[in-house]
Amino acid sequence: MKCVIFAGLPAAPELHSWWADADYVIAADAGYENACRVGVEPDLLLGDYDSAPRPEAGAKTVFLPAEKDDTDTYYAARKALELGATDVVIVGGLGGARLDHTLANLQTLVFLAKNGVCATLADTDNEVTALLPGTHRIQARPGWYFSIFSAGEQAPGVTLEGLKYPLHDYTLTHAFPIGVSNEFAAETATLRFSAGMIYLVLSRKEPPRG
């Protein structure tokens, strides 16, 4: 079951393909306004509404206290897990003025991945997915960078194939960004690692200057 969560930043209409096939849509706090702007009616609204107009109370609305341990987006992720989601996409959760919320959303990806969910943060220029150990094949994306970062202290056994800068049995750590700004060199890239967790980041290349 695929669940899309609309978070606090506006979601561009160009992201339509991410929510077009969603089985369930959750709007976290200001995510309700963001969903409505792109013509999406959420199945569930939740949040403390400290940064957005409070919606009308109803069967599909959950009001949360402002003082709580979870962020609104993390609560939405927990709700998606309760509903049986196997695939979660968070839109409106990257960038903006609140770096702390972006970091919290990255931790939310880890929470979901550790619970067996394929979890991705997406905007028009970046896609971040938390990956568990194993073999992962990624279709080439012309015009996009391929980067990997350890989501914990280390991720051993990292092997990269089908990329401009390959690796073999490398231990990726959270203290050295060797995995940044790689490029596809084949139709499919392969990432393998034996332990830990990795953030796979696909970033759109900047247009040439001048």
Protein backbone atom coordinates (compact mmCIF):
# COMPACT_ATOMS: atom_id res chain seq x y z
CA MET A 1 0.00 0.00 0.00
CA LYS A 2 1.40 3.36 -1.05
CA CYS A 3 0.89 6.34 1.23
CA VAL A 4 1.83 9.91 0.32
CA ILE A 5 2.38 12.45 3.08
CA PHE A 6 2.11 16.16 2.30
CA ALA A 7 4.39 18.06 4.69
CA GLY A 8 4.82 21.77 5.39
CA LEU A 9 6.44 23.06 2.19
CA PRO A 10 4.58 23.62 -1.11
CA ALA A 11 4.57 20.66 -3.49
CA ALA A 12 5.11 21.53 -7.14
CA PRO A 13 2.55 20.23 -9.65
CA GLU A 14 5.49 18.58 -11.47
CA LEU A 15 5.58 16.03 -8.65
CA HIS A 16 2.18 14.70 -9.72
CA SER A 17 3.51 11.25 -10.55
CA TRP A 18 4.45 10.70 -6.91
CA TRP A 19 0.87 10.97 -5.66
CA ALA A 20 -1.09 9.95 -8.76
CA ASP A 21 -1.05 6.27 -7.77
CA ALA A 22 -1.32 6.75 -4.00
CA ASP A 23 -3.69 4.45 -2.10
CA TYR A 24 -3.87 6.84 0.85
CA VAL A 25 -2.92 10.49 1.38
CA ILE A 26 -2.11 12.13 4.71
CA ALA A 27 -1.74 15.89 5.13
CA ALA A 28 0.47 16.90 8.03
CA ASP A 29 -0.37 20.37 9.38
CA ALA A 30 0.26 22.92 6.57
CA GLY A 31 0.38 19.94 4.22
CA TYR A 32 -3.39 20.23 3.90
CA GLU A 33 -3.12 23.59 2.14
CA ASN A 34 -0.27 22.26 0.02
CA ALA A 35 -2.29 19.24 -1.05
CA CYS A 36 -5.30 21.38 -1.93
CA ARG A 37 -3.15 23.67 -4.09
CA VAL A 38 -2.34 20.74 -6.39
CA GLY A 39 -5.89 19.38 -6.39
CA VAL A 40 -5.43 16.54 -3.92
CA GLU A 41 -8.03 15.82 -1.24
CA PRO A 42 -6.29 13.98 1.62
CA ASP A 43 -7.80 10.94 3.32
CA LEU A 44 -6.53 12.12 6.70
CA LEU A 45 -5.61 15.51 8.17
CA LEU A 46 -3.44 15.76 11.27
CA GLY A 47 -1.29 18.27 13.08
CA ASP A 48 -1.09 20.81 15.87
CA TYR A 49 -1.78 23.64 13.38
CA ASP A 50 0.65 26.03 15.01
CA SER A 51 1.86 27.10 11.55
CA ALA A 52 -1.29 26.74 9.45
CA PRO A 53 -5.01 27.52 9.63
CA ARG A 54 -6.90 25.01 11.74
CA PRO A 55 -9.23 22.90 9.56
CA GLU A 56 -12.77 22.06 10.49
CA ALA A 57 -13.17 19.17 12.88
CA GLY A 58 -14.37 15.98 11.25
CA ALA A 59 -14.01 12.24 11.09
CA LYS A 60 -10.81 12.49 9.06
CA THR A 61 -9.14 15.16 11.21
CA VAL A 62 -6.76 14.44 14.10
CA PHE A 63 -5.73 17.40 16.26
CA LEU A 64 -2.36 16.99 18.00
CA PRO A 65 -0.97 18.93 20.97
CA ALA A 66 1.66 21.56 20.16
CA GLU A 67 3.95 20.19 22.88
CA LYS A 68 4.81 16.62 21.87
CA ASP A 69 7.79 14.43 21.04
CA ASP A 70 6.78 13.68 17.44
CA THR A 71 6.87 16.20 14.63
CA ASP A 72 3.62 16.30 12.68
CA THR A 73 5.31 14.54 9.77
CA TYR A 74 6.75 11.83 12.02
CA TYR A 75 3.29 11.26 13.49
CA ALA A 76 1.94 10.96 9.95
CA ALA A 77 4.63 8.38 9.19
CA ARG A 78 3.64 6.37 12.25
CA LYS A 79 0.01 6.54 11.16
CA ALA A 80 0.99 5.32 7.66
CA LEU A 81 2.76 2.38 9.27
CA GLU A 82 -0.31 1.57 11.36
CA LEU A 83 -2.42 1.59 8.19
CA GLY A 84 -0.15 -1.02 6.61
CA ALA A 85 1.78 1.16 4.18
CA THR A 86 4.70 -0.55 2.45
CA ASP A 87 5.69 2.49 0.38
CA VAL A 88 5.73 6.04 1.80
CA VAL A 89 6.58 9.22 -0.09
CA ILE A 90 6.91 12.53 1.74
CA VAL A 91 6.51 15.64 -0.43
CA GLY A 92 7.06 19.15 0.94
CA GLY A 93 9.62 17.89 3.45
CA LEU A 94 12.93 19.06 1.95
CA GLY A 95 14.54 22.50 2.04
CA GLY A 96 12.94 25.74 3.15
CA ALA A 97 14.05 27.89 6.05
CA ARG A 98 13.78 25.13 8.65
CA LEU A 99 16.85 22.92 8.36
CA ASP A 100 15.79 21.24 11.59
CA HIS A 101 12.63 19.96 9.93
CA THR A 102 14.58 18.61 6.97
CA LEU A 103 16.87 16.71 9.36
CA ALA A 104 13.84 15.44 11.30
CA ASN A 105 12.33 14.20 8.05
CA LEU A 106 15.54 12.37 7.18
CA GLN A 107 15.30 10.63 10.55
CA THR A 108 11.69 9.82 9.73
CA LEU A 109 12.93 7.97 6.63
CA VAL A 110 15.21 5.88 8.85
CA PHE A 111 12.30 5.04 11.15
CA LEU A 112 10.18 3.90 8.23
CA ALA A 113 12.97 1.91 6.57
CA LYS A 114 13.74 0.09 9.84
CA ASN A 115 10.08 -0.94 9.87
CA GLY A 116 10.29 -2.43 6.39
CA VAL A 117 8.84 0.50 4.46
CA CYS A 118 10.28 1.88 1.23
CA ALA A 119 10.56 5.54 2.25
CA THR A 120 11.38 8.54 0.07
CA LEU A 121 11.53 12.33 0.45
CA ALA A 122 10.92 14.09 -2.85
CA ASP A 123 10.88 17.57 -4.34
CA THR A 124 11.48 18.80 -7.89
CA ASP A 125 15.28 18.74 -7.57
CA ASN A 126 16.04 16.01 -5.05
CA GLU A 127 14.93 12.53 -4.04
CA VAL A 128 16.18 10.87 -0.86
CA THR A 129 15.56 7.21 -0.07
CA ALA A 130 16.70 5.30 3.02
CA LEU A 131 18.09 1.91 2.03
CA LEU A 132 18.66 -1.24 4.07
CA PRO A 133 21.56 -3.66 3.42
CA GLY A 134 21.38 -5.73 0.25
CA THR A 135 21.58 -5.19 -3.49
CA HIS A 136 19.81 -2.19 -5.00
CA ARG A 137 19.55 -1.44 -8.72
CA ILE A 138 18.81 2.13 -9.73
CA GLN A 139 17.70 3.10 -13.22
CA ALA A 140 19.92 5.77 -14.77
CA ARG A 141 18.53 9.28 -14.60
CA PRO A 142 20.10 11.54 -17.26
CA GLY A 143 20.84 14.98 -15.87
CA TRP A 144 20.89 13.84 -12.24
CA TYR A 145 23.68 13.21 -9.74
CA PHE A 146 23.84 9.98 -7.72
CA SER A 147 25.05 10.34 -4.12
CA ILE A 148 25.17 8.05 -1.10
CA PHE A 149 25.67 8.86 2.58
CA SER A 150 25.81 6.65 5.63
CA ALA A 151 22.66 7.11 7.71
CA GLY A 152 24.49 5.79 10.76
CA GLU A 153 28.06 5.61 12.02
CA GLN A 154 29.10 3.36 9.14
CA ALA A 155 27.89 1.15 6.31
CA PRO A 156 30.45 -1.55 5.44
CA GLY A 157 30.82 -3.56 2.26
CA VAL A 158 29.74 -0.78 -0.09
CA THR A 159 30.14 -1.64 -3.77
CA LEU A 160 29.08 0.68 -6.58
CA GLU A 161 28.86 -0.40 -10.21
CA GLY A 162 27.57 1.32 -13.34
CA LEU A 163 28.74 4.71 -12.08
CA LYS A 164 31.55 7.07 -13.07
CA TYR A 165 33.24 6.56 -9.69
CA PRO A 166 32.94 2.91 -8.60
CA LEU A 167 33.64 1.52 -5.15
CA HIS A 168 34.45 -2.00 -4.02
CA ASP A 169 33.91 -3.33 -0.52
CA TYR A 170 34.26 0.16 0.97
CA THR A 171 33.22 1.16 4.48
CA LEU A 172 31.13 4.32 4.18
CA THR A 173 31.12 6.49 7.31
CA HIS A 174 29.16 9.51 8.49
CA ALA A 175 32.40 11.52 8.79
CA PHE A 176 33.59 11.56 5.15
CA PRO A 177 31.34 12.42 2.16
CA ILE A 178 33.10 10.27 -0.43
CA GLY A 179 29.76 9.28 -1.96
CA VAL A 180 28.69 12.74 -3.11
CA SER A 181 28.06 13.80 -6.74
CA ASN A 182 28.63 10.54 -8.56
CA GLU A 183 27.28 10.11 -12.10
CA PHE A 184 25.56 7.32 -14.00
CA ALA A 185 27.81 5.46 -16.47
CA ALA A 186 25.37 2.70 -17.47
CA GLU A 187 21.65 2.23 -17.91
CA THR A 188 21.44 0.74 -14.42
CA ALA A 189 23.61 1.44 -11.37
CA THR A 190 24.09 -1.19 -8.67
CA LEU A 191 24.61 -0.45 -5.00
CA ARG A 192 25.45 -3.25 -2.56
CA PHE A 193 26.30 -3.06 1.12
CA SER A 194 26.29 -5.50 4.01
CA ALA A 195 25.23 -3.57 7.12
CA GLY A 196 24.03 -0.21 8.39
CA MET A 197 21.77 2.07 6.40
CA ILE A 198 22.40 4.41 3.48
CA TYR A 199 20.72 7.53 2.15
CA LEU A 200 20.53 7.41 -1.63
CA VAL A 201 20.22 10.97 -2.95
CA LEU A 202 19.38 11.77 -6.56
CA SER A 203 19.89 15.48 -7.31
CA ARG A 204 19.09 17.34 -10.51
CA LYS A 205 22.18 18.84 -12.13
CA GLU A 206 22.34 22.61 -12.36
CA PRO A 207 21.95 24.08 -15.85
CA PRO A 208 25.20 25.34 -17.43
CA ARG A 209 26.04 28.95 -16.63
CA GLY A 210 26.68 31.62 -19.24
